Amino acid sequence: MAYKVHEITSYNYSFDARSGSPSGLQLWGESGKIAEVKFVENTSSVPEPSFSEDLSNATAYFKQSSLAGLIDMLRNENPVSMTINNQSPGFVFIHTGPEPVGEAEG
Protein backbone atom coordinates (compact mmCIF):
# COMPACT_ATOMS: atom_id res chain seq x y z
CA MET A 1 0.00 0.00 0.00
CA ALA A 2 1.27 3.45 -0.89
CA TYR A 3 -0.18 6.86 -0.39
CA LYS A 4 0.83 10.47 -0.88
CA VAL A 5 -0.53 13.58 0.84
CA HIS A 6 -0.54 16.86 -1.11
CA GLU A 7 -1.22 20.24 0.47
CA ILE A 8 -3.68 22.19 -1.67
CA THR A 9 -2.42 25.73 -2.29
CA SER A 10 -5.03 26.96 -4.79
CA TYR A 11 -8.09 25.88 -6.75
CA ASN A 12 -10.44 26.87 -9.54
CA TYR A 13 -13.82 25.56 -10.61
CA SER A 14 -16.23 25.97 -13.48
CA PHE A 15 -19.85 25.42 -14.48
CA ASP A 16 -21.22 24.12 -17.77
CA ALA A 17 -23.42 26.85 -19.29
CA ARG A 18 -25.69 24.36 -21.07
CA SER A 19 -26.43 22.09 -18.13
CA GLY A 20 -26.02 24.65 -15.35
CA SER A 21 -24.11 22.08 -13.32
CA PRO A 22 -20.52 22.04 -12.09
CA SER A 23 -18.15 20.81 -14.76
CA GLY A 24 -14.94 20.57 -12.80
CA LEU A 25 -12.74 21.59 -9.93
CA GLN A 26 -8.96 21.75 -10.27
CA LEU A 27 -6.71 21.51 -7.24
CA TRP A 28 -3.17 22.85 -7.27
CA GLY A 29 -0.16 22.27 -5.04
CA GLU A 30 3.44 23.43 -5.02
CA SER A 31 4.30 20.99 -7.82
CA GLY A 32 1.43 22.09 -10.10
CA LYS A 33 -2.00 20.58 -10.72
CA ILE A 34 -2.58 17.70 -8.34
CA ALA A 35 -6.20 16.85 -9.10
CA GLU A 36 -9.01 17.17 -11.57
CA VAL A 37 -12.28 16.71 -9.71
CA LYS A 38 -15.28 15.80 -11.85
CA PHE A 39 -18.89 15.78 -10.74
CA VAL A 40 -21.59 13.22 -11.46
CA GLU A 41 -25.36 13.46 -11.06
CA ASN A 42 -26.50 12.86 -7.50
CA THR A 43 -28.42 9.77 -8.63
CA SER A 44 -25.40 8.26 -10.43
CA SER A 45 -22.80 5.97 -8.94
CA VAL A 46 -19.40 7.54 -8.36
CA PRO A 47 -16.64 6.14 -10.62
CA GLU A 48 -13.37 4.98 -9.13
CA PRO A 49 -10.58 7.56 -9.20
CA SER A 50 -7.56 7.30 -11.44
CA PHE A 51 -4.09 8.48 -10.52
CA SER A 52 -0.55 8.55 -11.79
CA GLU A 53 1.78 5.71 -10.88
CA ASP A 54 3.87 8.03 -8.69
CA LEU A 55 0.71 9.39 -6.99
CA SER A 56 1.58 12.96 -8.03
CA ASN A 57 -1.89 13.67 -9.47
CA ALA A 58 -5.35 12.19 -9.71
CA THR A 59 -8.76 12.41 -11.29
CA ALA A 60 -11.46 12.04 -8.65
CA TYR A 61 -15.25 11.98 -8.86
CA PHE A 62 -17.80 13.43 -6.45
CA LYS A 63 -21.57 13.83 -6.55
CA GLN A 64 -22.73 17.30 -7.63
CA SER A 65 -24.16 17.94 -4.18
CA SER A 66 -20.60 17.82 -2.77
CA LEU A 67 -19.47 20.99 -4.53
CA ALA A 68 -20.69 23.48 -1.89
CA GLY A 69 -19.01 21.55 0.93
CA LEU A 70 -15.75 21.24 -0.99
CA ILE A 71 -15.68 24.96 -1.83
CA ASP A 72 -16.52 25.84 1.78
CA MET A 73 -13.62 23.70 2.99
CA LEU A 74 -11.21 25.23 0.47
CA ARG A 75 -12.27 28.77 1.39
CA ASN A 76 -12.47 28.46 5.16
CA GLU A 77 -10.10 25.77 6.38
CA ASN A 78 -6.33 25.72 6.57
CA PRO A 79 -4.51 23.58 5.79
CA VAL A 80 -6.49 21.52 3.29
CA SER A 81 -4.85 18.47 1.75
CA MET A 82 -5.60 15.68 -0.67
CA THR A 83 -4.52 12.10 -0.06
CA ILE A 84 -4.07 9.70 -2.97
CA ASN A 85 -3.94 6.05 -1.92
CA ASN A 86 -3.37 3.20 -4.38
CA GLN A 87 -4.56 0.41 -2.08
CA SER A 88 -7.09 -1.54 -4.17
CA PRO A 89 -9.44 -0.23 -5.46
CA GLY A 90 -7.68 3.09 -4.81
CA PHE A 91 -9.12 6.24 -3.33
CA VAL A 92 -8.68 9.99 -3.18
CA PHE A 93 -9.95 12.15 -0.36
CA ILE A 94 -9.80 15.84 0.49
CA HIS A 95 -9.40 16.73 4.14
CA THR A 96 -8.43 19.38 6.66
CA GLY A 97 -5.50 19.30 9.03
CA PRO A 98 -5.90 18.77 12.77
CA GLU A 99 -7.93 21.45 14.52
CA PRO A 100 -8.47 22.05 18.24
CA VAL A 101 -11.85 20.91 19.57
CA GLY A 102 -14.28 23.79 19.99
CA GLU A 103 -12.29 26.23 17.89
CA ALA A 104 -14.65 28.85 16.49
CA GLU A 105 -13.62 30.16 13.12
CA GLY A 106 -14.41 33.51 11.70
PDB file of N, CA and C in Angstrom:
ATOM      1  N   MET A   1       0.848  -1.173   0.000  1.00  0.00           N
ATOM      2  CA  MET A   1       0.000   0.000   0.000  1.00  0.00           C
ATOM      3  C   MET A   1       0.893   1.236   0.000  1.00  0.00           C
ATOM      4  N   ALA A   2       0.552   2.176  -0.853  1.00  0.00           N
ATOM      5  CA  ALA A   2       1.270   3.446  -0.892  1.00  0.00           C
ATOM      6  C   ALA A   2       0.264   4.581  -0.918  1.00  0.00           C
ATOM      7  N   TYR A   3       0.665   5.677  -0.331  1.00  0.00           N
ATOM      8  CA  TYR A   3      -0.184   6.860  -0.394  1.00  0.00           C
ATOM      9  C   TYR A   3       0.697   8.097  -0.409  1.00  0.00           C
ATOM     10  N   LYS A   4       0.122   9.193  -0.848  1.00  0.00           N
ATOM     11  CA  LYS A   4       0.830  10.465  -0.877  1.00  0.00           C
ATOM     12  C   LYS A   4      -0.153  11.560  -0.493  1.00  0.00           C
ATOM     13  N   VAL A   5       0.291  12.455   0.386  1.00  0.00           N
ATOM     14  CA  VAL A   5      -0.527  13.576   0.836  1.00  0.00           C
ATOM     15  C   VAL A   5       0.010  14.849   0.188  1.00  0.00           C
ATOM     16  N   HIS A   6      -0.883  15.596  -0.446  1.00  0.00           N
ATOM     17  CA  HIS A   6      -0.535  16.856  -1.107  1.00  0.00           C
ATOM     18  C   HIS A   6      -1.265  17.992  -0.411  1.00  0.00           C
ATOM     19  N   GLU A   7      -0.543  19.051  -0.046  1.00  0.00           N
ATOM     20  CA  GLU A   7      -1.216  20.237   0.474  1.00  0.00           C
ATOM     21  C   GLU A   7      -1.769  21.021  -0.708  1.00  0.00           C
ATOM     22  N   ILE A   8      -3.027  21.416  -0.615  1.00  0.00           N
ATOM     23  CA  ILE A   8      -3.682  22.190  -1.673  1.00  0.00           C
ATOM     24  C   ILE A   8      -3.381  23.664  -1.422  1.00  0.00           C
ATOM     25  N   THR A   9      -2.785  24.319  -2.431  1.00  0.00           N
ATOM     26  CA  THR A   9      -2.421  25.733  -2.286  1.00  0.00           C
ATOM     27  C   THR A   9      -3.371  26.661  -3.031  1.00  0.00           C
ATOM     28  N   SER A  10      -4.062  26.150  -4.048  1.00  0.00           N
ATOM     29  CA  SER A  10      -5.033  26.965  -4.787  1.00  0.00           C
ATOM     30  C   SER A  10      -5.998  26.048  -5.528  1.00  0.00           C
ATOM     31  N   TYR A  11      -7.071  26.652  -6.044  1.00  0.00           N
ATOM     32  CA  TYR A  11      -8.091  25.876  -6.750  1.00  0.00           C
ATOM     33  C   TYR A  11      -8.819  26.779  -7.725  1.00  0.00           C
ATOM     34  N   ASN A  12      -9.497  26.162  -8.671  1.00  0.00           N
ATOM     35  CA  ASN A  12     -10.439  26.870  -9.540  1.00  0.00           C
ATOM     36  C   ASN A  12     -11.536  25.892  -9.929  1.00  0.00           C
ATOM     37  N   TYR A  13     -12.723  26.426 -10.203  1.00  0.00           N
ATOM     38  CA  TYR A  13     -13.821  25.556 -10.612  1.00  0.00           C
ATOM     39  C   TYR A  13     -14.647  26.243 -11.673  1.00  0.00           C
ATOM     40  N   SER A  14     -15.448  25.440 -12.367  1.00  0.00           N
ATOM     41  CA  SER A  14     -16.235  25.967 -13.483  1.00  0.00           C
ATOM     42  C   SER A  14     -17.592  25.279 -13.543  1.00  0.00           C
ATOM     43  N   PHE A  15     -18.508  25.954 -14.248  1.00  0.00           N
ATOM     44  CA  PHE A  15     -19.846  25.423 -14.482  1.00  0.00           C
ATOM     45  C   PHE A  15     -20.074  25.306 -15.976  1.00  0.00           C
ATOM     46  N   ASP A  16     -20.832  24.310 -16.377  1.00  0.00           N
ATOM     47  CA  ASP A  16     -21.218  24.123 -17.771  1.00  0.00           C
ATOM     48  C   ASP A  16     -22.437  25.002 -18.042  1.00  0.00           C
ATOM     49  N   ALA A  17     -22.327  25.914 -18.998  1.00  0.00           N
ATOM     50  CA  ALA A  17     -23.418  26.853 -19.293  1.00  0.00           C
ATOM     51  C   ALA A  17     -24.673  26.146 -19.790  1.00  0.00           C
ATOM     52  N   ARG A  18     -24.511  25.053 -20.526  1.00  0.00           N
ATOM     53  CA  ARG A  18     -25.686  24.360 -21.065  1.00  0.00           C
ATOM     54  C   ARG A  18     -26.453  23.600 -20.007  1.00  0.00           C
ATOM     55  N   SER A  19     -25.739  22.899 -19.136  1.00  0.00           N
ATOM     56  CA  SER A  19     -26.430  22.085 -18.135  1.00  0.00           C
ATOM     57  C   SER A  19     -26.672  22.846 -16.833  1.00  0.00           C
ATOM     58  N   GLY A  20     -25.898  23.906 -16.594  1.00  0.00           N
ATOM     59  CA  GLY A  20     -26.020  24.647 -15.345  1.00  0.00           C
ATOM     60  C   GLY A  20     -25.434  23.918 -14.156  1.00  0.00           C
ATOM     61  N   SER A  21     -24.690  22.861 -14.405  1.00  0.00           N
ATOM     62  CA  SER A  21     -24.112  22.082 -13.318  1.00  0.00           C
ATOM     63  C   SER A  21     -22.593  22.251 -13.298  1.00  0.00           C
ATOM     64  N   PRO A  22     -21.972  21.910 -12.164  1.00  0.00           N
ATOM     65  CA  PRO A  22     -20.523  22.041 -12.093  1.00  0.00           C
ATOM     66  C   PRO A  22     -19.851  21.120 -13.102  1.00  0.00           C
ATOM     67  N   SER A  23     -18.845  21.645 -13.779  1.00  0.00           N
ATOM     68  CA  SER A  23     -18.152  20.809 -14.763  1.00  0.00           C
ATOM     69  C   SER A  23     -16.800  20.342 -14.265  1.00  0.00           C
ATOM     70  N   GLY A  24     -16.218  21.030 -13.304  1.00  0.00           N
ATOM     71  CA  GLY A  24     -14.941  20.569 -12.801  1.00  0.00           C
ATOM     72  C   GLY A  24     -14.355  21.479 -11.746  1.00  0.00           C
ATOM     73  N   LEU A  25     -13.475  20.901 -10.966  1.00  0.00           N
ATOM     74  CA  LEU A  25     -12.736  21.594  -9.926  1.00  0.00           C
ATOM     75  C   LEU A  25     -11.295  21.146 -10.068  1.00  0.00           C
ATOM     76  N   GLN A  26     -10.381  22.085 -10.177  1.00  0.00           N
ATOM     77  CA  GLN A  26      -8.964  21.750 -10.271  1.00  0.00           C
ATOM     78  C   GLN A  26      -8.289  22.160  -8.973  1.00  0.00           C
ATOM     79  N   LEU A  27      -7.448  21.267  -8.469  1.00  0.00           N
ATOM     80  CA  LEU A  27      -6.711  21.511  -7.236  1.00  0.00           C
ATOM     81  C   LEU A  27      -5.231  21.592  -7.566  1.00  0.00           C
ATOM     82  N   TRP A  28      -4.576  22.581  -6.971  1.00  0.00           N
ATOM     83  CA  TRP A  28      -3.173  22.852  -7.266  1.00  0.00           C
ATOM     84  C   TRP A  28      -2.349  22.789  -5.991  1.00  0.00           C
ATOM     85  N   GLY A  29      -1.118  22.308  -6.135  1.00  0.00           N
ATOM     86  CA  GLY A  29      -0.160  22.275  -5.039  1.00  0.00           C
ATOM     87  C   GLY A  29       1.136  22.919  -5.491  1.00  0.00           C
ATOM     88  N   GLU A  30       2.155  22.824  -4.681  1.00  0.00           N
ATOM     89  CA  GLU A  30       3.437  23.433  -5.024  1.00  0.00           C
ATOM     90  C   GLU A  30       4.030  22.868  -6.307  1.00  0.00           C
ATOM     91  N   SER A  31       3.735  21.624  -6.627  1.00  0.00           N
ATOM     92  CA  SER A  31       4.305  20.990  -7.822  1.00  0.00           C
ATOM     93  C   SER A  31       3.444  21.179  -9.068  1.00  0.00           C
ATOM     94  N   GLY A  32       2.327  21.897  -8.964  1.00  0.00           N
ATOM     95  CA  GLY A  32       1.428  22.087 -10.102  1.00  0.00           C
ATOM     96  C   GLY A  32       0.068  21.481  -9.823  1.00  0.00           C
ATOM     97  N   LYS A  33      -0.656  21.141 -10.889  1.00  0.00           N
ATOM     98  CA  LYS A  33      -2.003  20.579 -10.721  1.00  0.00           C
ATOM     99  C   LYS A  33      -1.896  19.189 -10.121  1.00  0.00           C
ATOM    100  N   ILE A  34      -2.612  18.990  -9.012  1.00  0.00           N
ATOM    101  CA  ILE A  34      -2.579  17.695  -8.345  1.00  0.00           C
ATOM    102  C   ILE A  34      -3.873  16.916  -8.513  1.00  0.00           C
ATOM    103  N   ALA A  35      -4.950  17.595  -8.922  1.00  0.00           N
ATOM    104  CA  ALA A  35      -6.202  16.852  -9.104  1.00  0.00           C
ATOM    105  C   ALA A  35      -7.151  17.565 -10.044  1.00  0.00           C
ATOM    106  N   GLU A  36      -7.864  16.749 -10.775  1.00  0.00           N
ATOM    107  CA  GLU A  36      -9.013  17.172 -11.572  1.00  0.00           C
ATOM    108  C   GLU A  36     -10.203  16.482 -10.921  1.00  0.00           C
ATOM    109  N   VAL A  37     -11.092  17.269 -10.347  1.00  0.00           N
ATOM    110  CA  VAL A  37     -12.282  16.713  -9.707  1.00  0.00           C
ATOM    111  C   VAL A  37     -13.443  16.882 -10.670  1.00  0.00           C
ATOM    112  N   LYS A  38     -14.118  15.781 -10.959  1.00  0.00           N
ATOM    113  CA  LYS A  38     -15.276  15.804 -11.847  1.00  0.00           C
ATOM    114  C   LYS A  38     -16.514  15.455 -11.034  1.00  0.00           C
ATOM    115  N   PHE A  39     -17.643  15.967 -11.482  1.00  0.00           N
ATOM    116  CA  PHE A  39     -18.888  15.783 -10.737  1.00  0.00           C
ATOM    117  C   PHE A  39     -19.878  14.961 -11.544  1.00  0.00           C
ATOM    118  N   VAL A  40     -20.569  14.057 -10.839  1.00  0.00           N
ATOM    119  CA  VAL A  40     -21.587  13.220 -11.464  1.00  0.00           C
ATOM    120  C   VAL A  40     -22.943  13.571 -10.851  1.00  0.00           C
ATOM    121  N   GLU A  41     -24.001  13.240 -11.563  1.00  0.00           N
ATOM    122  CA  GLU A  41     -25.364  13.458 -11.062  1.00  0.00           C
ATOM    123  C   GLU A  41     -25.507  12.800  -9.689  1.00  0.00           C
ATOM    124  N   ASN A  42     -26.310  13.402  -8.844  1.00  0.00           N
ATOM    125  CA  ASN A  42     -26.502  12.864  -7.499  1.00  0.00           C
ATOM    126  C   ASN A  42     -27.099  11.463  -7.499  1.00  0.00           C
ATOM    127  N   THR A  43     -27.809  11.099  -8.550  1.00  0.00           N
ATOM    128  CA  THR A  43     -28.423   9.774  -8.631  1.00  0.00           C
ATOM    129  C   THR A  43     -27.508   8.740  -9.281  1.00  0.00           C
ATOM    130  N   SER A  44     -26.344   9.177  -9.766  1.00  0.00           N
ATOM    131  CA  SER A  44     -25.401   8.264 -10.429  1.00  0.00           C
ATOM    132  C   SER A  44     -24.419   7.683  -9.424  1.00  0.00           C
ATOM    133  N   SER A  45     -23.863   6.524  -9.774  1.00  0.00           N
ATOM    134  CA  SER A  45     -22.798   5.972  -8.940  1.00  0.00           C
ATOM    135  C   SER A  45     -21.512   6.751  -9.223  1.00  0.00           C
ATOM    136  N   VAL A  46     -20.646   6.789  -8.243  1.00  0.00           N
ATOM    137  CA  VAL A  46     -19.398   7.542  -8.356  1.00  0.00           C
ATOM    138  C   VAL A  46     -18.315   6.615  -8.913  1.00  0.00           C
ATOM    139  N   PRO A  47     -17.711   6.977 -10.055  1.00  0.00           N
ATOM    140  CA  PRO A  47     -16.644   6.143 -10.624  1.00  0.00           C
ATOM    141  C   PRO A  47     -15.417   6.103  -9.711  1.00  0.00           C
ATOM    142  N   GLU A  48     -14.621   5.066  -9.872  1.00  0.00           N
ATOM    143  CA  GLU A  48     -13.366   4.976  -9.131  1.00  0.00           C
ATOM    144  C   GLU A  48     -12.409   6.047  -9.633  1.00  0.00           C
ATOM    145  N   PRO A  49     -11.550   6.556  -8.762  1.00  0.00           N
ATOM    146  CA  PRO A  49     -10.582   7.559  -9.201  1.00  0.00           C
ATOM    147  C   PRO A  49      -9.483   6.921 -10.046  1.00  0.00           C
ATOM    148  N   SER A  50      -8.766   7.758 -10.757  1.00  0.00           N
ATOM    149  CA  SER A  50      -7.558   7.304 -11.444  1.00  0.00           C
ATOM    150  C   SER A  50      -6.427   8.206 -10.983  1.00  0.00           C
ATOM    151  N   PHE A  51      -5.218   7.685 -10.984  1.00  0.00           N
ATOM    152  CA  PHE A  51      -4.089   8.479 -10.517  1.00  0.00           C
ATOM    153  C   PHE A  51      -2.820   8.002 -11.184  1.00  0.00           C
ATOM    154  N   SER A  52      -1.832   8.887 -11.191  1.00  0.00           N
ATOM    155  CA  SER A  52      -0.550   8.551 -11.795  1.00  0.00           C
ATOM    156  C   SER A  52       0.158   7.500 -10.942  1.00  0.00           C
ATOM    157  N   GLU A  53       1.066   6.780 -11.572  1.00  0.00           N
ATOM    158  CA  GLU A  53       1.779   5.713 -10.880  1.00  0.00           C
ATOM    159  C   GLU A  53       2.555   6.236  -9.672  1.00  0.00           C
ATOM    160  N   ASP A  54       3.100   7.454  -9.794  1.00  0.00           N
ATOM    161  CA  ASP A  54       3.870   8.030  -8.686  1.00  0.00           C
ATOM    162  C   ASP A  54       2.998   8.801  -7.690  1.00  0.00           C
ATOM    163  N   LEU A  55       1.693   8.756  -7.869  1.00  0.00           N
ATOM    164  CA  LEU A  55       0.708   9.390  -6.986  1.00  0.00           C
ATOM    165  C   LEU A  55       0.853  10.912  -6.924  1.00  0.00           C
ATOM    166  N   SER A  56       1.390  11.503  -8.000  1.00  0.00           N
ATOM    167  CA  SER A  56       1.579  12.956  -8.031  1.00  0.00           C
ATOM    168  C   SER A  56       0.316  13.706  -8.439  1.00  0.00           C
ATOM    169  N   ASN A  57      -0.636  13.014  -9.073  1.00  0.00           N
ATOM    170  CA  ASN A  57      -1.892  13.665  -9.466  1.00  0.00           C
ATOM    171  C   ASN A  57      -2.978  12.621  -9.653  1.00  0.00           C
ATOM    172  N   ALA A  58      -4.216  13.105  -9.648  1.00  0.00           N
ATOM    173  CA  ALA A  58      -5.352  12.185  -9.713  1.00  0.00           C
ATOM    174  C   ALA A  58      -6.535  12.840 -10.404  1.00  0.00           C
ATOM    175  N   THR A  59      -7.429  11.986 -10.871  1.00  0.00           N
ATOM    176  CA  THR A  59      -8.761  12.406 -11.290  1.00  0.00           C
ATOM    177  C   THR A  59      -9.722  11.737 -10.317  1.00  0.00           C
ATOM    178  N   ALA A  60     -10.526  12.550  -9.650  1.00  0.00           N
ATOM    179  CA  ALA A  60     -11.462  12.035  -8.654  1.00  0.00           C
ATOM    180  C   ALA A  60     -12.870  12.468  -9.022  1.00  0.00           C
ATOM    181  N   TYR A  61     -13.848  11.714  -8.556  1.00  0.00           N
ATOM    182  CA  TYR A  61     -15.252  11.979  -8.863  1.00  0.00           C
ATOM    183  C   TYR A  61     -16.033  12.168  -7.573  1.00  0.00           C
ATOM    184  N   PHE A  62     -16.908  13.156  -7.578  1.00  0.00           N
ATOM    185  CA  PHE A  62     -17.797  13.427  -6.453  1.00  0.00           C
ATOM    186  C   PHE A  62     -19.198  13.656  -7.004  1.00  0.00           C
ATOM    187  N   LYS A  63     -20.198  13.470  -6.163  1.00  0.00           N
ATOM    188  CA  LYS A  63     -21.567  13.826  -6.550  1.00  0.00           C
ATOM    189  C   LYS A  63     -21.681  15.353  -6.601  1.00  0.00           C
ATOM    190  N   GLN A  64     -22.560  15.856  -7.470  1.00  0.00           N
ATOM    191  CA  GLN A  64     -22.729  17.301  -7.633  1.00  0.00           C
ATOM    192  C   GLN A  64     -23.055  17.998  -6.317  1.00  0.00           C
ATOM    193  N   SER A  65     -23.780  17.334  -5.454  1.00  0.00           N
ATOM    194  CA  SER A  65     -24.162  17.944  -4.177  1.00  0.00           C
ATOM    195  C   SER A  65     -22.965  18.184  -3.256  1.00  0.00           C
ATOM    196  N   SER A  66     -21.803  17.632  -3.582  1.00  0.00           N
ATOM    197  CA  SER A  66     -20.595  17.817  -2.772  1.00  0.00           C
ATOM    198  C   SER A  66     -19.900  19.138  -3.027  1.00  0.00           C
ATOM    199  N   LEU A  67     -20.220  19.801  -4.135  1.00  0.00           N
ATOM    200  CA  LEU A  67     -19.469  20.995  -4.527  1.00  0.00           C
ATOM    201  C   LEU A  67     -19.473  22.068  -3.445  1.00  0.00           C
ATOM    202  N   ALA A  68     -20.620  22.400  -2.895  1.00  0.00           N
ATOM    203  CA  ALA A  68     -20.688  23.478  -1.895  1.00  0.00           C
ATOM    204  C   ALA A  68     -19.814  23.165  -0.682  1.00  0.00           C
ATOM    205  N   GLY A  69     -19.840  21.938  -0.215  1.00  0.00           N
ATOM    206  CA  GLY A  69     -19.014  21.552   0.929  1.00  0.00           C
ATOM    207  C   GLY A  69     -17.531  21.605   0.614  1.00  0.00           C
ATOM    208  N   LEU A  70     -17.159  21.179  -0.589  1.00  0.00           N
ATOM    209  CA  LEU A  70     -15.749  21.243  -0.990  1.00  0.00           C
ATOM    210  C   LEU A  70     -15.269  22.687  -1.069  1.00  0.00           C
ATOM    211  N   ILE A  71     -16.065  23.552  -1.698  1.00  0.00           N
ATOM    212  CA  ILE A  71     -15.677  24.957  -1.826  1.00  0.00           C
ATOM    213  C   ILE A  71     -15.611  25.614  -0.448  1.00  0.00           C
ATOM    214  N   ASP A  72     -16.551  25.301   0.428  1.00  0.00           N
ATOM    215  CA  ASP A  72     -16.521  25.842   1.783  1.00  0.00           C
ATOM    216  C   ASP A  72     -15.231  25.432   2.491  1.00  0.00           C
ATOM    217  N   MET A  73     -14.851  24.179   2.369  1.00  0.00           N
ATOM    218  CA  MET A  73     -13.623  23.696   2.988  1.00  0.00           C
ATOM    219  C   MET A  73     -12.408  24.432   2.423  1.00  0.00           C
ATOM    220  N   LEU A  74     -12.350  24.567   1.096  1.00  0.00           N
ATOM    221  CA  LEU A  74     -11.211  25.229   0.466  1.00  0.00           C
ATOM    222  C   LEU A  74     -11.125  26.708   0.848  1.00  0.00           C
ATOM    223  N   ARG A  75     -12.253  27.343   1.029  1.00  0.00           N
ATOM    224  CA  ARG A  75     -12.267  28.773   1.385  1.00  0.00           C
ATOM    225  C   ARG A  75     -11.986  29.029   2.863  1.00  0.00           C
ATOM    226  N   ASN A  76     -12.447  28.144   3.729  1.00  0.00           N
ATOM    227  CA  ASN A  76     -12.472  28.458   5.156  1.00  0.00           C
ATOM    228  C   ASN A  76     -11.554  27.644   6.048  1.00  0.00           C
ATOM    229  N   GLU A  77     -10.962  26.611   5.550  1.00  0.00           N
ATOM    230  CA  GLU A  77     -10.096  25.772   6.380  1.00  0.00           C
ATOM    231  C   GLU A  77      -8.642  25.931   5.946  1.00  0.00           C
ATOM    232  N   ASN A  78      -7.748  25.659   6.877  1.00  0.00           N
ATOM    233  CA  ASN A  78      -6.328  25.721   6.565  1.00  0.00           C
ATOM    234  C   ASN A  78      -5.575  24.883   7.586  1.00  0.00           C
ATOM    235  N   PRO A  79      -4.757  23.949   7.178  1.00  0.00           N
ATOM    236  CA  PRO A  79      -4.505  23.580   5.790  1.00  0.00           C
ATOM    237  C   PRO A  79      -5.562  22.611   5.267  1.00  0.00           C
ATOM    238  N   VAL A  80      -5.651  22.518   3.950  1.00  0.00           N
ATOM    239  CA  VAL A  80      -6.489  21.520   3.287  1.00  0.00           C
ATOM    240  C   VAL A  80      -5.557  20.688   2.414  1.00  0.00           C
ATOM    241  N   SER A  81      -5.719  19.385   2.488  1.00  0.00           N
ATOM    242  CA  SER A  81      -4.852  18.472   1.749  1.00  0.00           C
ATOM    243  C   SER A  81      -5.676  17.462   0.974  1.00  0.00           C
ATOM    244  N   MET A  82      -4.996  16.774   0.076  1.00  0.00           N
ATOM    245  CA  MET A  82      -5.601  15.684  -0.675  1.00  0.00           C
ATOM    246  C   MET A  82      -4.690  14.477  -0.521  1.00  0.00           C
ATOM    247  N   THR A  83      -5.273  13.344  -0.168  1.00  0.00           N
ATOM    248  CA  THR A  83      -4.518  12.104  -0.064  1.00  0.00           C
ATOM    249  C   THR A  83      -4.898  11.198  -1.220  1.00  0.00           C
ATOM    250  N   ILE A  84      -3.886  10.689  -1.904  1.00  0.00           N
ATOM    251  CA  ILE A  84      -4.068   9.702  -2.972  1.00  0.00           C
ATOM    252  C   ILE A  84      -3.522   8.392  -2.425  1.00  0.00           C
ATOM    253  N   ASN A  85      -4.334   7.347  -2.452  1.00  0.00           N
ATOM    254  CA  ASN A  85      -3.942   6.046  -1.925  1.00  0.00           C
ATOM    255  C   ASN A  85      -4.204   4.998  -2.997  1.00  0.00           C
ATOM    256  N   ASN A  86      -3.195   4.195  -3.319  1.00  0.00           N
ATOM    257  CA  ASN A  86      -3.367   3.202  -4.378  1.00  0.00           C
ATOM    258  C   ASN A  86      -3.731   1.813  -3.863  1.00  0.00           C
ATOM    259  N   GLN A  87      -4.091   1.693  -2.588  1.00  0.00           N
ATOM    260  CA  GLN A  87      -4.562   0.406  -2.085  1.00  0.00           C
ATOM    261  C   GLN A  87      -5.850   0.061  -2.814  1.00  0.00           C
ATOM    262  N   SER A  88      -5.948  -1.132  -3.354  1.00  0.00           N
ATOM    263  CA  SER A  88      -7.087  -1.539  -4.172  1.00  0.00           C
ATOM    264  C   SER A  88      -8.402  -1.304  -3.439  1.00  0.00           C
ATOM    265  N   PRO A  89      -9.381  -0.669  -4.072  1.00  0.00           N
ATOM    266  CA  PRO A  89      -9.439  -0.234  -5.462  1.00  0.00           C
ATOM    267  C   PRO A  89      -8.857   1.154  -5.691  1.00  0.00           C
ATOM    268  N   GLY A  90      -8.252   1.758  -4.697  1.00  0.00           N
ATOM    269  CA  GLY A  90      -7.682   3.094  -4.810  1.00  0.00           C
ATOM    270  C   GLY A  90      -8.685   4.143  -4.388  1.00  0.00           C
ATOM    271  N   PHE A  91      -8.209   5.165  -3.723  1.00  0.00           N
ATOM    272  CA  PHE A  91      -9.120   6.237  -3.329  1.00  0.00           C
ATOM    273  C   PHE A  91      -8.382   7.558  -3.225  1.00  0.00           C
ATOM    274  N   VAL A  92      -9.163   8.617  -3.306  1.00  0.00           N
ATOM    275  CA  VAL A  92      -8.683   9.990  -3.178  1.00  0.00           C
ATOM    276  C   VAL A  92      -9.618  10.677  -2.198  1.00  0.00           C
ATOM    277  N   PHE A  93      -9.069  11.364  -1.210  1.00  0.00           N
ATOM    278  CA  PHE A  93      -9.947  12.153  -0.356  1.00  0.00           C
ATOM    279  C   PHE A  93      -9.321  13.498  -0.030  1.00  0.00           C
ATOM    280  N   ILE A  94     -10.185  14.467   0.198  1.00  0.00           N
ATOM    281  CA  ILE A  94      -9.801  15.843   0.491  1.00  0.00           C
ATOM    282  C   ILE A  94     -10.148  16.078   1.954  1.00  0.00           C
ATOM    283  N   HIS A  95      -9.207  16.637   2.702  1.00  0.00           N
ATOM    284  CA  HIS A  95      -9.401  16.730   4.143  1.00  0.00           C
ATOM    285  C   HIS A  95      -8.681  17.936   4.727  1.00  0.00           C
ATOM    286  N   THR A  96      -9.087  18.299   5.930  1.00  0.00           N
ATOM    287  CA  THR A  96      -8.430  19.378   6.659  1.00  0.00           C
ATOM    288  C   THR A  96      -7.319  18.802   7.517  1.00  0.00           C
ATOM    289  N   GLY A  97      -6.503  19.694   8.053  1.00  0.00           N
ATOM    290  CA  GLY A  97      -5.505  19.298   9.028  1.00  0.00           C
ATOM    291  C   GLY A  97      -6.130  19.254  10.410  1.00  0.00           C
ATOM    292  N   PRO A  98      -5.379  18.812  11.406  1.00  0.00           N
ATOM    293  CA  PRO A  98      -5.904  18.771  12.769  1.00  0.00           C
ATOM    294  C   PRO A  98      -6.323  20.162  13.247  1.00  0.00           C
ATOM    295  N   GLU A  99      -7.399  20.196  13.988  1.00  0.00           N
ATOM    296  CA  GLU A  99      -7.931  21.449  14.520  1.00  0.00           C
ATOM    297  C   GLU A  99      -8.316  21.236  15.974  1.00  0.00           C
ATOM    298  N   PRO A 100      -8.063  22.208  16.839  1.00  0.00           N
ATOM    299  CA  PRO A 100      -8.466  22.050  18.237  1.00  0.00           C
ATOM    300  C   PRO A 100      -9.986  21.907  18.367  1.00  0.00           C
ATOM    301  N   VAL A 101     -10.422  21.082  19.304  1.00  0.00           N
ATOM    302  CA  VAL A 101     -11.846  20.912  19.569  1.00  0.00           C
ATOM    303  C   VAL A 101     -12.416  22.237  20.057  1.00  0.00           C
ATOM    304  N   GLY A 102     -13.584  22.589  19.548  1.00  0.00           N
ATOM    305  CA  GLY A 102     -14.279  23.787  19.994  1.00  0.00           C
ATOM    306  C   GLY A 102     -13.758  25.087  19.422  1.00  0.00           C
ATOM    307  N   GLU A 103     -12.826  25.011  18.482  1.00  0.00           N
ATOM    308  CA  GLU A 103     -12.294  26.235  17.885  1.00  0.00           C
ATOM    309  C   GLU A 103     -13.365  26.884  17.025  1.00  0.00           C
ATOM    310  N   ALA A 104     -13.687  28.103  17.303  1.00  0.00           N
ATOM    311  CA  ALA A 104     -14.654  28.850  16.495  1.00  0.00           C
ATOM    312  C   ALA A 104     -13.895  29.629  15.442  1.00  0.00           C
ATOM    313  N   GLU A 105     -14.291  29.447  14.202  1.00  0.00           N
ATOM    314  CA  GLU A 105     -13.623  30.155  13.116  1.00  0.00           C
ATOM    315  C   GLU A 105     -14.428  31.385  12.747  1.00  0.00           C
ATOM    316  N   GLY A 106     -13.723  32.344  12.223  1.00  0.00           N
ATOM    317  CA  GLY A 106     -14.412  33.511  11.698  1.00  0.00           C
ATOM    318  C   GLY A 106     -14.121  34.679  12.504  1.00  0.00           C
TER     319      GLY A 106
END
